[in-house]
Amino acid sequence: MLTESQVERSFRKLIKVEGLINETFEKAEELLEELRPESPLRHRLFSELDELREMTSSE
């Protein structure tokens, strides 16, 4: 299991390097699944991921 710090760092790097495409969103979701269900970071990053999806779908 990864630490919250490792997950957040990997999440940011993934979005930055791979761009805003469906495959990236799927990889990001898998990464966030590493966090405990009650983790505030998990909820925050899932919210960010949802916002990014909305941004790309409206373009």
PDB file of N, CA and C in Angstrom:
ATOM      1  N   MET A   1       0.846  -1.181   0.000  1.00  0.00           N
ATOM      2  CA  MET A   1       0.000   0.000   0.000  1.00  0.00           C
ATOM      3  C   MET A   1       0.891   1.245   0.000  1.00  0.00           C
ATOM      4  N   LEU A   2       0.533   2.208  -0.825  1.00  0.00           N
ATOM      5  CA  LEU A   2       1.292   3.450  -0.933  1.00  0.00           C
ATOM      6  C   LEU A   2       0.875   4.434   0.153  1.00  0.00           C
ATOM      7  N   THR A   3       1.786   5.335   0.497  1.00  0.00           N
ATOM      8  CA  THR A   3       1.443   6.382   1.457  1.00  0.00           C
ATOM      9  C   THR A   3       0.638   7.466   0.748  1.00  0.00           C
ATOM     10  N   GLU A   4      -0.028   8.312   1.524  1.00  0.00           N
ATOM     11  CA  GLU A   4      -0.802   9.407   0.925  1.00  0.00           C
ATOM     12  C   GLU A   4       0.104  10.326   0.119  1.00  0.00           C
ATOM     13  N   SER A   5       1.283  10.580   0.633  1.00  0.00           N
ATOM     14  CA  SER A   5       2.233  11.441  -0.066  1.00  0.00           C
ATOM     15  C   SER A   5       2.624  10.851  -1.421  1.00  0.00           C
ATOM     16  N   GLN A   6       2.883   9.560  -1.449  1.00  0.00           N
ATOM     17  CA  GLN A   6       3.250   8.895  -2.699  1.00  0.00           C
ATOM     18  C   GLN A   6       2.100   8.921  -3.700  1.00  0.00           C
ATOM     19  N   VAL A   7       0.899   8.701  -3.216  1.00  0.00           N
ATOM     20  CA  VAL A   7      -0.269   8.707  -4.098  1.00  0.00           C
ATOM     21  C   VAL A   7      -0.482  10.101  -4.675  1.00  0.00           C
ATOM     22  N   GLU A   8      -0.401  11.123  -3.834  1.00  0.00           N
ATOM     23  CA  GLU A   8      -0.616  12.484  -4.334  1.00  0.00           C
ATOM     24  C   GLU A   8       0.448  12.863  -5.358  1.00  0.00           C
ATOM     25  N   ARG A   9       1.694  12.546  -5.080  1.00  0.00           N
ATOM     26  CA  ARG A   9       2.784  12.856  -6.004  1.00  0.00           C
ATOM     27  C   ARG A   9       2.578  12.122  -7.331  1.00  0.00           C
ATOM     28  N   SER A  10       2.233  10.861  -7.266  1.00  0.00           N
ATOM     29  CA  SER A  10       2.008  10.073  -8.485  1.00  0.00           C
ATOM     30  C   SER A  10       0.803  10.584  -9.265  1.00  0.00           C
ATOM     31  N   PHE A  11      -0.252  10.982  -8.558  1.00  0.00           N
ATOM     32  CA  PHE A  11      -1.457  11.524  -9.187  1.00  0.00           C
ATOM     33  C   PHE A  11      -1.107  12.783  -9.980  1.00  0.00           C
ATOM     34  N   ARG A  12      -0.393  13.713  -9.331  1.00  0.00           N
ATOM     35  CA  ARG A  12      -0.025  14.974  -9.999  1.00  0.00           C
ATOM     36  C   ARG A  12       0.858  14.712 -11.218  1.00  0.00           C
ATOM     37  N   LYS A  13       1.819  13.819 -11.064  1.00  0.00           N
ATOM     38  CA  LYS A  13       2.728  13.506 -12.161  1.00  0.00           C
ATOM     39  C   LYS A  13       1.971  12.857 -13.323  1.00  0.00           C
ATOM     40  N   LEU A  14       1.086  11.944 -13.014  1.00  0.00           N
ATOM     41  CA  LEU A  14       0.294  11.253 -14.031  1.00  0.00           C
ATOM     42  C   LEU A  14      -0.516  12.247 -14.862  1.00  0.00           C
ATOM     43  N   ILE A  15      -1.215  13.151 -14.198  1.00  0.00           N
ATOM     44  CA  ILE A  15      -2.038  14.141 -14.899  1.00  0.00           C
ATOM     45  C   ILE A  15      -1.165  15.063 -15.748  1.00  0.00           C
ATOM     46  N   LYS A  16      -0.038  15.467 -15.195  1.00  0.00           N
ATOM     47  CA  LYS A  16       0.851  16.395 -15.905  1.00  0.00           C
ATOM     48  C   LYS A  16       1.502  15.746 -17.124  1.00  0.00           C
ATOM     49  N   VAL A  17       1.984  14.529 -16.973  1.00  0.00           N
ATOM     50  CA  VAL A  17       2.740  13.865 -18.037  1.00  0.00           C
ATOM     51  C   VAL A  17       1.840  13.259 -19.112  1.00  0.00           C
ATOM     52  N   GLU A  18       0.784  12.586 -18.696  1.00  0.00           N
ATOM     53  CA  GLU A  18      -0.039  11.848 -19.660  1.00  0.00           C
ATOM     54  C   GLU A  18      -1.195  12.657 -20.234  1.00  0.00           C
ATOM     55  N   GLY A  19      -1.507  13.780 -19.632  1.00  0.00           N
ATOM     56  CA  GLY A  19      -2.572  14.615 -20.159  1.00  0.00           C
ATOM     57  C   GLY A  19      -3.956  14.164 -19.736  1.00  0.00           C
ATOM     58  N   LEU A  20      -4.949  14.904 -20.188  1.00  0.00           N
ATOM     59  CA  LEU A  20      -6.334  14.679 -19.774  1.00  0.00           C
ATOM     60  C   LEU A  20      -7.077  13.813 -20.786  1.00  0.00           C
ATOM     61  N   ILE A  21      -6.794  12.519 -20.724  1.00  0.00           N
ATOM     62  CA  ILE A  21      -7.455  11.555 -21.601  1.00  0.00           C
ATOM     63  C   ILE A  21      -8.066  10.449 -20.740  1.00  0.00           C
ATOM     64  N   ASN A  22      -8.972   9.686 -21.316  1.00  0.00           N
ATOM     65  CA  ASN A  22      -9.676   8.641 -20.557  1.00  0.00           C
ATOM     66  C   ASN A  22      -8.735   7.640 -19.894  1.00  0.00           C
ATOM     67  N   GLU A  23      -7.682   7.242 -20.590  1.00  0.00           N
ATOM     68  CA  GLU A  23      -6.744   6.275 -20.017  1.00  0.00           C
ATOM     69  C   GLU A  23      -6.077   6.839 -18.766  1.00  0.00           C
ATOM     70  N   THR A  24      -5.766   8.121 -18.798  1.00  0.00           N
ATOM     71  CA  THR A  24      -5.155   8.771 -17.634  1.00  0.00           C
ATOM     72  C   THR A  24      -6.127   8.786 -16.470  1.00  0.00           C
ATOM     73  N   PHE A  25      -7.384   9.085 -16.745  1.00  0.00           N
ATOM     74  CA  PHE A  25      -8.386   9.112 -15.679  1.00  0.00           C
ATOM     75  C   PHE A  25      -8.536   7.728 -15.043  1.00  0.00           C
ATOM     76  N   GLU A  26      -8.504   6.696 -15.862  1.00  0.00           N
ATOM     77  CA  GLU A  26      -8.619   5.328 -15.340  1.00  0.00           C
ATOM     78  C   GLU A  26      -7.418   4.974 -14.465  1.00  0.00           C
ATOM     79  N   LYS A  27      -6.220   5.346 -14.919  1.00  0.00           N
ATOM     80  CA  LYS A  27      -5.015   5.087 -14.125  1.00  0.00           C
ATOM     81  C   LYS A  27      -5.064   5.860 -12.809  1.00  0.00           C
ATOM     82  N   ALA A  28      -5.547   7.094 -12.872  1.00  0.00           N
ATOM     83  CA  ALA A  28      -5.644   7.915 -11.661  1.00  0.00           C
ATOM     84  C   ALA A  28      -6.619   7.289 -10.668  1.00  0.00           C
ATOM     85  N   GLU A  29      -7.739   6.773 -11.159  1.00  0.00           N
ATOM     86  CA  GLU A  29      -8.706   6.105 -10.279  1.00  0.00           C
ATOM     87  C   GLU A  29      -8.081   4.896  -9.598  1.00  0.00           C
ATOM     88  N   GLU A  30      -7.351   4.105 -10.358  1.00  0.00           N
ATOM     89  CA  GLU A  30      -6.685   2.933  -9.781  1.00  0.00           C
ATOM     90  C   GLU A  30      -5.702   3.354  -8.697  1.00  0.00           C
ATOM     91  N   LEU A  31      -5.000   4.437  -8.945  1.00  0.00           N
ATOM     92  CA  LEU A  31      -4.049   4.959  -7.968  1.00  0.00           C
ATOM     93  C   LEU A  31      -4.762   5.398  -6.690  1.00  0.00           C
ATOM     94  N   LEU A  32      -5.881   6.086  -6.843  1.00  0.00           N
ATOM     95  CA  LEU A  32      -6.623   6.577  -5.682  1.00  0.00           C
ATOM     96  C   LEU A  32      -7.245   5.444  -4.880  1.00  0.00           C
ATOM     97  N   GLU A  33      -7.485   4.311  -5.527  1.00  0.00           N
ATOM     98  CA  GLU A  33      -8.021   3.147  -4.822  1.00  0.00           C
ATOM     99  C   GLU A  33      -7.034   2.619  -3.781  1.00  0.00           C
ATOM    100  N   GLU A  34      -5.766   3.019  -3.899  1.00  0.00           N
ATOM    101  CA  GLU A  34      -4.751   2.612  -2.925  1.00  0.00           C
ATOM    102  C   GLU A  34      -4.983   3.258  -1.558  1.00  0.00           C
ATOM    103  N   LEU A  35      -5.695   4.376  -1.546  1.00  0.00           N
ATOM    104  CA  LEU A  35      -5.940   5.093  -0.292  1.00  0.00           C
ATOM    105  C   LEU A  35      -7.108   4.485   0.469  1.00  0.00           C
ATOM    106  N   ARG A  36      -7.093   4.669   1.773  1.00  0.00           N
ATOM    107  CA  ARG A  36      -8.204   4.200   2.611  1.00  0.00           C
ATOM    108  C   ARG A  36      -9.495   4.891   2.172  1.00  0.00           C
ATOM    109  N   PRO A  37     -10.619   4.204   2.226  1.00  0.00           N
ATOM    110  CA  PRO A  37     -11.896   4.799   1.807  1.00  0.00           C
ATOM    111  C   PRO A  37     -12.256   6.072   2.576  1.00  0.00           C
ATOM    112  N   GLU A  38     -11.844   6.174   3.829  1.00  0.00           N
ATOM    113  CA  GLU A  38     -12.185   7.343   4.638  1.00  0.00           C
ATOM    114  C   GLU A  38     -11.154   8.474   4.534  1.00  0.00           C
ATOM    115  N   SER A  39     -10.142   8.296   3.719  1.00  0.00           N
ATOM    116  CA  SER A  39      -9.075   9.289   3.599  1.00  0.00           C
ATOM    117  C   SER A  39      -9.589  10.600   2.995  1.00  0.00           C
ATOM    118  N   PRO A  40      -9.335  11.731   3.671  1.00  0.00           N
ATOM    119  CA  PRO A  40      -9.713  13.033   3.101  1.00  0.00           C
ATOM    120  C   PRO A  40      -9.005  13.305   1.769  1.00  0.00           C
ATOM    121  N   LEU A  41      -7.766  12.847   1.659  1.00  0.00           N
ATOM    122  CA  LEU A  41      -7.029  13.038   0.409  1.00  0.00           C
ATOM    123  C   LEU A  41      -7.711  12.293  -0.729  1.00  0.00           C
ATOM    124  N   ARG A  42      -8.172  11.097  -0.460  1.00  0.00           N
ATOM    125  CA  ARG A  42      -8.878  10.314  -1.480  1.00  0.00           C
ATOM    126  C   ARG A  42     -10.102  11.077  -1.982  1.00  0.00           C
ATOM    127  N   HIS A  43     -10.875  11.618  -1.066  1.00  0.00           N
ATOM    128  CA  HIS A  43     -12.075  12.365  -1.451  1.00  0.00           C
ATOM    129  C   HIS A  43     -11.711  13.619  -2.244  1.00  0.00           C
ATOM    130  N   ARG A  44     -10.665  14.312  -1.817  1.00  0.00           N
ATOM    131  CA  ARG A  44     -10.255  15.540  -2.506  1.00  0.00           C
ATOM    132  C   ARG A  44      -9.769  15.237  -3.917  1.00  0.00           C
ATOM    133  N   LEU A  45      -8.928  14.220  -4.059  1.00  0.00           N
ATOM    134  CA  LEU A  45      -8.400  13.902  -5.385  1.00  0.00           C
ATOM    135  C   LEU A  45      -9.466  13.327  -6.315  1.00  0.00           C
ATOM    136  N   PHE A  46     -10.406  12.564  -5.776  1.00  0.00           N
ATOM    137  CA  PHE A  46     -11.520  12.095  -6.610  1.00  0.00           C
ATOM    138  C   PHE A  46     -12.352  13.285  -7.086  1.00  0.00           C
ATOM    139  N   SER A  47     -12.528  14.292  -6.226  1.00  0.00           N
ATOM    140  CA  SER A  47     -13.263  15.501  -6.625  1.00  0.00           C
ATOM    141  C   SER A  47     -12.518  16.229  -7.733  1.00  0.00           C
ATOM    142  N   GLU A  48     -11.203  16.351  -7.585  1.00  0.00           N
ATOM    143  CA  GLU A  48     -10.396  16.993  -8.624  1.00  0.00           C
ATOM    144  C   GLU A  48     -10.488  16.218  -9.934  1.00  0.00           C
ATOM    145  N   LEU A  49     -10.448  14.910  -9.839  1.00  0.00           N
ATOM    146  CA  LEU A  49     -10.538  14.068 -11.027  1.00  0.00           C
ATOM    147  C   LEU A  49     -11.884  14.263 -11.727  1.00  0.00           C
ATOM    148  N   ASP A  50     -12.951  14.343 -10.953  1.00  0.00           N
ATOM    149  CA  ASP A  50     -14.280  14.596 -11.526  1.00  0.00           C
ATOM    150  C   ASP A  50     -14.323  15.946 -12.231  1.00  0.00           C
ATOM    151  N   GLU A  51     -13.719  16.965 -11.620  1.00  0.00           N
ATOM    152  CA  GLU A  51     -13.682  18.297 -12.237  1.00  0.00           C
ATOM    153  C   GLU A  51     -12.899  18.265 -13.546  1.00  0.00           C
ATOM    154  N   LEU A  52     -11.774  17.565 -13.556  1.00  0.00           N
ATOM    155  CA  LEU A  52     -10.978  17.461 -14.783  1.00  0.00           C
ATOM    156  C   LEU A  52     -11.755  16.748 -15.885  1.00  0.00           C
ATOM    157  N   ARG A  53     -12.484  15.711 -15.519  1.00  0.00           N
ATOM    158  CA  ARG A  53     -13.314  15.003 -16.504  1.00  0.00           C
ATOM    159  C   ARG A  53     -14.372  15.932 -17.086  1.00  0.00           C
ATOM    160  N   GLU A  54     -15.010  16.708 -16.218  1.00  0.00           N
ATOM    161  CA  GLU A  54     -16.040  17.641 -16.686  1.00  0.00           C
ATOM    162  C   GLU A  54     -15.440  18.675 -17.628  1.00  0.00           C
ATOM    163  N   MET A  55     -14.247  19.166 -17.299  1.00  0.00           N
ATOM    164  CA  MET A  55     -13.589  20.159 -18.145  1.00  0.00           C
ATOM    165  C   MET A  55     -13.310  19.596 -19.532  1.00  0.00           C
ATOM    166  N   THR A  56     -12.834  18.368 -19.591  1.00  0.00           N
ATOM    167  CA  THR A  56     -12.491  17.788 -20.891  1.00  0.00           C
ATOM    168  C   THR A  56     -13.724  17.382 -21.684  1.00  0.00           C
ATOM    169  N   SER A  57     -14.787  16.998 -21.000  1.00  0.00           N
ATOM    170  CA  SER A  57     -15.995  16.597 -21.724  1.00  0.00           C
ATOM    171  C   SER A  57     -16.740  17.800 -22.292  1.00  0.00           C
ATOM    172  N   SER A  58     -16.538  18.966 -21.707  1.00  0.00           N
ATOM    173  CA  SER A  58     -17.230  20.160 -22.197  1.00  0.00           C
ATOM    174  C   SER A  58     -16.460  20.851 -23.317  1.00  0.00           C
ATOM    175  N   GLU A  59     -15.248  20.399 -23.586  1.00  0.00           N
ATOM    176  CA  GLU A  59     -14.443  21.021 -24.652  1.00  0.00           C
ATOM    177  C   GLU A  59     -14.775  20.442 -26.005  1.00  0.00           C
TER     178      GLU A  59
END
